[in-house]
Amino acid sequence: NIQFLQISSAIYCLHGVYYKQYDTES
């Protein structure tokens, strides 16, 4: 991500929650 932002650091921030991370699973 850091290397990508060195190429292009313009970001569009989209409102909304669209990804679910199951971070308590084994």
PDB file of all heavy atoms in Angstrom:
ATOM      1  N   ASN A   1       0.828  -1.216   0.000  1.00  0.00           N
ATOM      2  CA  ASN A   1       0.000   0.000   0.000  1.00  0.00           C
ATOM      3  C   ASN A   1       0.856   1.258   0.000  1.00  0.00           C
ATOM      4  O   ASN A   1       0.542   2.231  -0.701  1.00  0.00           O
ATOM      5  CB  ASN A   1      -0.922   0.004   1.218  1.00  0.00           C
ATOM      6  CG  ASN A   1      -2.045  -0.998   1.102  1.00  0.00           C
ATOM      7  OD1 ASN A   1      -2.342  -1.493   0.019  1.00  0.00           O
ATOM      8  ND2 ASN A   1      -2.667  -1.327   2.217  1.00  0.00           N
ATOM      9  N   ILE A   2       1.931   1.241   0.797  1.00  0.00           N
ATOM     10  CA  ILE A   2       2.821   2.403   0.845  1.00  0.00           C
ATOM     11  C   ILE A   2       3.441   2.648  -0.526  1.00  0.00           C
ATOM     12  O   ILE A   2       3.502   3.786  -1.012  1.00  0.00           O
ATOM     13  CB  ILE A   2       3.923   2.189   1.910  1.00  0.00           C
ATOM     14  CG1 ILE A   2       3.320   2.266   3.323  1.00  0.00           C
ATOM     15  CG2 ILE A   2       5.030   3.227   1.756  1.00  0.00           C
ATOM     16  CD1 ILE A   2       4.291   1.867   4.414  1.00  0.00           C
ATOM     17  N   GLN A   3       3.893   1.580  -1.169  1.00  0.00           N
ATOM     18  CA  GLN A   3       4.514   1.724  -2.484  1.00  0.00           C
ATOM     19  C   GLN A   3       3.501   2.194  -3.526  1.00  0.00           C
ATOM     20  O   GLN A   3       3.838   2.978  -4.420  1.00  0.00           O
ATOM     21  CB  GLN A   3       5.156   0.400  -2.895  1.00  0.00           C
ATOM     22  CG  GLN A   3       6.373   0.046  -2.047  1.00  0.00           C
ATOM     23  CD  GLN A   3       6.895  -1.357  -2.315  1.00  0.00           C
ATOM     24  OE1 GLN A   3       6.147  -2.249  -2.715  1.00  0.00           O
ATOM     25  NE2 GLN A   3       8.177  -1.554  -2.096  1.00  0.00           N
ATOM     26  N   PHE A   4       2.258   1.723  -3.405  1.00  0.00           N
ATOM     27  CA  PHE A   4       1.231   2.200  -4.332  1.00  0.00           C
ATOM     28  C   PHE A   4       0.987   3.691  -4.139  1.00  0.00           C
ATOM     29  O   PHE A   4       0.871   4.441  -5.116  1.00  0.00           O
ATOM     30  CB  PHE A   4      -0.065   1.421  -4.129  1.00  0.00           C
ATOM     31  CG  PHE A   4      -1.170   1.839  -5.052  1.00  0.00           C
ATOM     32  CD1 PHE A   4      -1.245   1.329  -6.345  1.00  0.00           C
ATOM     33  CD2 PHE A   4      -2.127   2.761  -4.656  1.00  0.00           C
ATOM     34  CE1 PHE A   4      -2.252   1.725  -7.220  1.00  0.00           C
ATOM     35  CE2 PHE A   4      -3.138   3.164  -5.510  1.00  0.00           C
ATOM     36  CZ  PHE A   4      -3.200   2.639  -6.800  1.00  0.00           C
ATOM     37  N   LEU A   5       0.896   4.127  -2.892  1.00  0.00           N
ATOM     38  CA  LEU A   5       0.633   5.537  -2.621  1.00  0.00           C
ATOM     39  C   LEU A   5       1.812   6.424  -3.003  1.00  0.00           C
ATOM     40  O   LEU A   5       1.639   7.631  -3.196  1.00  0.00           O
ATOM     41  CB  LEU A   5       0.283   5.722  -1.137  1.00  0.00           C
ATOM     42  CG  LEU A   5      -1.081   5.151  -0.728  1.00  0.00           C
ATOM     43  CD1 LEU A   5      -1.234   5.143   0.785  1.00  0.00           C
ATOM     44  CD2 LEU A   5      -2.218   5.927  -1.380  1.00  0.00           C
ATOM     45  N   GLN A   6       2.999   5.846  -3.124  1.00  0.00           N
ATOM     46  CA  GLN A   6       4.130   6.607  -3.647  1.00  0.00           C
ATOM     47  C   GLN A   6       3.951   6.875  -5.136  1.00  0.00           C
ATOM     48  O   GLN A   6       4.441   7.871  -5.657  1.00  0.00           O
ATOM     49  CB  GLN A   6       5.441   5.849  -3.389  1.00  0.00           C
ATOM     50  CG  GLN A   6       5.872   5.873  -1.933  1.00  0.00           C
ATOM     51  CD  GLN A   6       7.086   5.012  -1.662  1.00  0.00           C
ATOM     52  OE1 GLN A   6       7.372   4.059  -2.397  1.00  0.00           O
ATOM     53  NE2 GLN A   6       7.813   5.315  -0.600  1.00  0.00           N
ATOM     54  N   ILE A   7       3.249   5.970  -5.818  1.00  0.00           N
ATOM     55  CA  ILE A   7       2.959   6.154  -7.239  1.00  0.00           C
ATOM     56  C   ILE A   7       1.824   7.155  -7.423  1.00  0.00           C
ATOM     57  O   ILE A   7       1.903   8.068  -8.247  1.00  0.00           O
ATOM     58  CB  ILE A   7       2.574   4.812  -7.893  1.00  0.00           C
ATOM     59  CG1 ILE A   7       3.702   3.797  -7.749  1.00  0.00           C
ATOM     60  CG2 ILE A   7       2.222   5.012  -9.371  1.00  0.00           C
ATOM     61  CD1 ILE A   7       3.295   2.385  -8.147  1.00  0.00           C
ATOM     62  N   SER A   8       0.763   6.971  -6.647  1.00  0.00           N
ATOM     63  CA  SER A   8      -0.410   7.843  -6.739  1.00  0.00           C
ATOM     64  C   SER A   8      -1.089   7.899  -5.379  1.00  0.00           C
ATOM     65  O   SER A   8      -1.575   6.882  -4.890  1.00  0.00           O
ATOM     66  CB  SER A   8      -1.385   7.318  -7.789  1.00  0.00           C
ATOM     67  OG  SER A   8      -2.557   8.113  -7.818  1.00  0.00           O
ATOM     68  N   SER A   9      -1.117   9.061  -4.772  1.00  0.00           N
ATOM     69  CA  SER A   9      -1.637   9.171  -3.410  1.00  0.00           C
ATOM     70  C   SER A   9      -3.048   9.743  -3.340  1.00  0.00           C
ATOM     71  O   SER A   9      -3.550  10.039  -2.258  1.00  0.00           O
ATOM     72  CB  SER A   9      -0.699  10.029  -2.545  1.00  0.00           C
ATOM     73  OG  SER A   9      -0.552  11.320  -3.098  1.00  0.00           O
ATOM     74  N   ALA A  10      -3.717   9.916  -4.488  1.00  0.00           N
ATOM     75  CA  ALA A  10      -5.102  10.387  -4.477  1.00  0.00           C
ATOM     76  C   ALA A  10      -6.027   9.246  -4.051  1.00  0.00           C
ATOM     77  O   ALA A  10      -5.930   8.129  -4.562  1.00  0.00           O
ATOM     78  CB  ALA A  10      -5.499  10.903  -5.845  1.00  0.00           C
ATOM     79  N   ILE A  11      -6.916   9.522  -3.098  1.00  0.00           N
ATOM     80  CA  ILE A  11      -7.798   8.506  -2.520  1.00  0.00           C
ATOM     81  C   ILE A  11      -9.238   9.004  -2.571  1.00  0.00           C
ATOM     82  O   ILE A  11      -9.510  10.167  -2.243  1.00  0.00           O
ATOM     83  CB  ILE A  11      -7.408   8.213  -1.061  1.00  0.00           C
ATOM     84  CG1 ILE A  11      -5.984   7.672  -0.976  1.00  0.00           C
ATOM     85  CG2 ILE A  11      -8.385   7.220  -0.419  1.00  0.00           C
ATOM     86  CD1 ILE A  11      -5.473   7.543   0.458  1.00  0.00           C
ATOM     87  N   TYR A  12     -10.137   8.118  -2.956  1.00  0.00           N
ATOM     88  CA  TYR A  12     -11.566   8.416  -2.857  1.00  0.00           C
ATOM     89  C   TYR A  12     -12.105   7.636  -1.661  1.00  0.00           C
ATOM     90  O   TYR A  12     -11.972   6.407  -1.604  1.00  0.00           O
ATOM     91  CB  TYR A  12     -12.318   8.008  -4.120  1.00  0.00           C
ATOM     92  CG  TYR A  12     -13.780   8.430  -4.096  1.00  0.00           C
ATOM     93  CD1 TYR A  12     -14.178   9.627  -4.663  1.00  0.00           C
ATOM     94  CD2 TYR A  12     -14.741   7.645  -3.480  1.00  0.00           C
ATOM     95  CE1 TYR A  12     -15.512  10.034  -4.635  1.00  0.00           C
ATOM     96  CE2 TYR A  12     -16.072   8.036  -3.440  1.00  0.00           C
ATOM     97  CZ  TYR A  12     -16.451   9.233  -4.012  1.00  0.00           C
ATOM     98  OH  TYR A  12     -17.767   9.629  -3.959  1.00  0.00           O
ATOM     99  N   CYS A  13     -12.710   8.343  -0.707  1.00  0.00           N
ATOM    100  CA  CYS A  13     -13.290   7.710   0.472  1.00  0.00           C
ATOM    101  C   CYS A  13     -14.783   7.494   0.238  1.00  0.00           C
ATOM    102  O   CYS A  13     -15.540   8.453   0.078  1.00  0.00           O
ATOM    103  CB  CYS A  13     -13.051   8.570   1.710  1.00  0.00           C
ATOM    104  SG  CYS A  13     -11.310   8.660   2.197  1.00  0.00           S
ATOM    105  N   LEU A  14     -15.180   6.245   0.230  1.00  0.00           N
ATOM    106  CA  LEU A  14     -16.567   5.852  -0.046  1.00  0.00           C
ATOM    107  C   LEU A  14     -17.276   5.570   1.270  1.00  0.00           C
ATOM    108  O   LEU A  14     -16.765   4.835   2.120  1.00  0.00           O
ATOM    109  CB  LEU A  14     -16.563   4.597  -0.925  1.00  0.00           C
ATOM    110  CG  LEU A  14     -17.919   3.991  -1.297  1.00  0.00           C
ATOM    111  CD1 LEU A  14     -18.690   4.940  -2.204  1.00  0.00           C
ATOM    112  CD2 LEU A  14     -17.712   2.640  -1.994  1.00  0.00           C
ATOM    113  N   HIS A  15     -18.441   6.145   1.438  1.00  0.00           N
ATOM    114  CA  HIS A  15     -19.212   5.902   2.654  1.00  0.00           C
ATOM    115  C   HIS A  15     -19.861   4.520   2.587  1.00  0.00           C
ATOM    116  O   HIS A  15     -20.414   4.121   1.567  1.00  0.00           O
ATOM    117  CB  HIS A  15     -20.294   6.962   2.836  1.00  0.00           C
ATOM    118  CG  HIS A  15     -21.094   6.782   4.097  1.00  0.00           C
ATOM    119  ND1 HIS A  15     -20.564   6.986   5.342  1.00  0.00           N
ATOM    120  CD2 HIS A  15     -22.380   6.379   4.290  1.00  0.00           C
ATOM    121  CE1 HIS A  15     -21.492   6.741   6.256  1.00  0.00           C
ATOM    122  NE2 HIS A  15     -22.593   6.368   5.643  1.00  0.00           N
ATOM    123  N   GLY A  16     -19.765   3.778   3.678  1.00  0.00           N
ATOM    124  CA  GLY A  16     -20.396   2.474   3.742  1.00  0.00           C
ATOM    125  C   GLY A  16     -19.448   1.386   4.192  1.00  0.00           C
ATOM    126  O   GLY A  16     -18.227   1.497   4.038  1.00  0.00           O
ATOM    127  N   VAL A  17     -20.011   0.319   4.756  1.00  0.00           N
ATOM    128  CA  VAL A  17     -19.255  -0.836   5.243  1.00  0.00           C
ATOM    129  C   VAL A  17     -19.556  -2.010   4.320  1.00  0.00           C
ATOM    130  O   VAL A  17     -20.687  -2.494   4.278  1.00  0.00           O
ATOM    131  CB  VAL A  17     -19.647  -1.164   6.705  1.00  0.00           C
ATOM    132  CG1 VAL A  17     -18.975  -2.448   7.172  1.00  0.00           C
ATOM    133  CG2 VAL A  17     -19.273   0.001   7.625  1.00  0.00           C
ATOM    134  N   TYR A  18     -18.543  -2.464   3.584  1.00  0.00           N
ATOM    135  CA  TYR A  18     -18.780  -3.459   2.544  1.00  0.00           C
ATOM    136  C   TYR A  18     -17.832  -4.657   2.618  1.00  0.00           C
ATOM    137  O   TYR A  18     -17.789  -5.453   1.677  1.00  0.00           O
ATOM    138  CB  TYR A  18     -18.667  -2.805   1.160  1.00  0.00           C
ATOM    139  CG  TYR A  18     -19.618  -1.650   0.978  1.00  0.00           C
ATOM    140  CD1 TYR A  18     -19.151  -0.357   0.814  1.00  0.00           C
ATOM    141  CD2 TYR A  18     -20.995  -1.852   0.992  1.00  0.00           C
ATOM    142  CE1 TYR A  18     -20.024   0.707   0.657  1.00  0.00           C
ATOM    143  CE2 TYR A  18     -21.881  -0.801   0.839  1.00  0.00           C
ATOM    144  CZ  TYR A  18     -21.385   0.482   0.672  1.00  0.00           C
ATOM    145  OH  TYR A  18     -22.258   1.532   0.527  1.00  0.00           O
ATOM    146  N   TYR A  19     -17.086  -4.787   3.685  1.00  0.00           N
ATOM    147  CA  TYR A  19     -16.162  -5.912   3.840  1.00  0.00           C
ATOM    148  C   TYR A  19     -16.301  -6.461   5.253  1.00  0.00           C
ATOM    149  O   TYR A  19     -16.328  -5.689   6.223  1.00  0.00           O
ATOM    150  CB  TYR A  19     -14.714  -5.450   3.602  1.00  0.00           C
ATOM    151  CG  TYR A  19     -13.696  -6.567   3.466  1.00  0.00           C
ATOM    152  CD1 TYR A  19     -13.211  -6.942   2.225  1.00  0.00           C
ATOM    153  CD2 TYR A  19     -13.221  -7.253   4.582  1.00  0.00           C
ATOM    154  CE1 TYR A  19     -12.274  -7.962   2.079  1.00  0.00           C
ATOM    155  CE2 TYR A  19     -12.300  -8.276   4.451  1.00  0.00           C
ATOM    156  CZ  TYR A  19     -11.826  -8.629   3.202  1.00  0.00           C
ATOM    157  OH  TYR A  19     -10.901  -9.649   3.072  1.00  0.00           O
ATOM    158  N   LYS A  20     -16.389  -7.781   5.377  1.00  0.00           N
ATOM    159  CA  LYS A  20     -16.484  -8.411   6.693  1.00  0.00           C
ATOM    160  C   LYS A  20     -15.262  -9.277   6.937  1.00  0.00           C
ATOM    161  O   LYS A  20     -14.955 -10.183   6.155  1.00  0.00           O
ATOM    162  CB  LYS A  20     -17.752  -9.269   6.812  1.00  0.00           C
ATOM    163  CG  LYS A  20     -17.941  -9.838   8.225  1.00  0.00           C
ATOM    164  CD  LYS A  20     -19.333 -10.413   8.412  1.00  0.00           C
ATOM    165  CE  LYS A  20     -19.567 -10.840   9.857  1.00  0.00           C
ATOM    166  NZ  LYS A  20     -20.937 -11.330  10.085  1.00  0.00           N
ATOM    167  N   GLN A  21     -14.568  -8.977   8.017  1.00  0.00           N
ATOM    168  CA  GLN A  21     -13.353  -9.711   8.375  1.00  0.00           C
ATOM    169  C   GLN A  21     -13.655 -10.621   9.561  1.00  0.00           C
ATOM    170  O   GLN A  21     -14.006 -10.163  10.649  1.00  0.00           O
ATOM    171  CB  GLN A  21     -12.225  -8.742   8.727  1.00  0.00           C
ATOM    172  CG  GLN A  21     -10.884  -9.409   8.956  1.00  0.00           C
ATOM    173  CD  GLN A  21      -9.790  -8.404   9.259  1.00  0.00           C
ATOM    174  OE1 GLN A  21     -10.071  -7.284   9.685  1.00  0.00           O
ATOM    175  NE2 GLN A  21      -8.551  -8.801   9.050  1.00  0.00           N
ATOM    176  N   TYR A  22     -13.494 -11.914   9.340  1.00  0.00           N
ATOM    177  CA  TYR A  22     -13.738 -12.900  10.389  1.00  0.00           C
ATOM    178  C   TYR A  22     -12.444 -13.112  11.172  1.00  0.00           C
ATOM    179  O   TYR A  22     -11.802 -14.160  11.085  1.00  0.00           O
ATOM    180  CB  TYR A  22     -14.240 -14.204   9.785  1.00  0.00           C
ATOM    181  CG  TYR A  22     -15.624 -14.111   9.187  1.00  0.00           C
ATOM    182  CD1 TYR A  22     -15.820 -13.703   7.864  1.00  0.00           C
ATOM    183  CD2 TYR A  22     -16.757 -14.413   9.944  1.00  0.00           C
ATOM    184  CE1 TYR A  22     -17.098 -13.609   7.315  1.00  0.00           C
ATOM    185  CE2 TYR A  22     -18.037 -14.319   9.405  1.00  0.00           C
ATOM    186  CZ  TYR A  22     -18.195 -13.920   8.098  1.00  0.00           C
ATOM    187  OH  TYR A  22     -19.459 -13.823   7.552  1.00  0.00           O
ATOM    188  N   ASP A  23     -12.056 -12.094  11.954  1.00  0.00           N
ATOM    189  CA  ASP A  23     -10.735 -12.100  12.570  1.00  0.00           C
ATOM    190  C   ASP A  23     -10.655 -12.868  13.880  1.00  0.00           C
ATOM    191  O   ASP A  23      -9.608 -12.892  14.529  1.00  0.00           O
ATOM    192  CB  ASP A  23     -10.251 -10.667  12.791  1.00  0.00           C
ATOM    193  CG  ASP A  23     -11.152  -9.871  13.720  1.00  0.00           C
ATOM    194  OD1 ASP A  23     -12.352 -10.204  13.841  1.00  0.00           O
ATOM    195  OD2 ASP A  23     -10.670  -8.906  14.344  1.00  0.00           O
ATOM    196  N   THR A  24     -11.749 -13.511  14.305  1.00  0.00           N
ATOM    197  CA  THR A  24     -11.690 -14.323  15.523  1.00  0.00           C
ATOM    198  C   THR A  24     -11.587 -15.809  15.200  1.00  0.00           C
ATOM    199  O   THR A  24     -11.494 -16.634  16.114  1.00  0.00           O
ATOM    200  CB  THR A  24     -12.931 -14.093  16.398  1.00  0.00           C
ATOM    201  OG1 THR A  24     -14.109 -14.437  15.662  1.00  0.00           O
ATOM    202  CG2 THR A  24     -13.017 -12.650  16.855  1.00  0.00           C
ATOM    203  N   GLU A  25     -11.597 -16.147  13.906  1.00  0.00           N
ATOM    204  CA  GLU A  25     -11.519 -17.549  13.536  1.00  0.00           C
ATOM    205  C   GLU A  25     -10.087 -18.052  13.610  1.00  0.00           C
ATOM    206  O   GLU A  25      -9.127 -17.288  13.551  1.00  0.00           O
ATOM    207  CB  GLU A  25     -12.078 -17.759  12.121  1.00  0.00           C
ATOM    208  CG  GLU A  25     -13.570 -17.473  12.035  1.00  0.00           C
ATOM    209  CD  GLU A  25     -14.164 -17.822  10.686  1.00  0.00           C
ATOM    210  OE1 GLU A  25     -13.397 -18.206   9.780  1.00  0.00           O
ATOM    211  OE2 GLU A  25     -15.393 -17.719  10.545  1.00  0.00           O
ATOM    212  N   SER A  26      -9.930 -19.345  13.752  1.00  0.00           N
ATOM    213  CA  SER A  26      -8.607 -19.957  13.833  1.00  0.00           C
ATOM    214  C   SER A  26      -7.794 -19.603  12.601  1.00  0.00           C
ATOM    215  O   SER A  26      -8.269 -19.667  11.469  1.00  0.00           O
ATOM    216  CB  SER A  26      -8.744 -21.478  13.939  1.00  0.00           C
ATOM    217  OG  SER A  26      -7.490 -22.097  13.929  1.00  0.00           O
TER     218      SER A  26
END
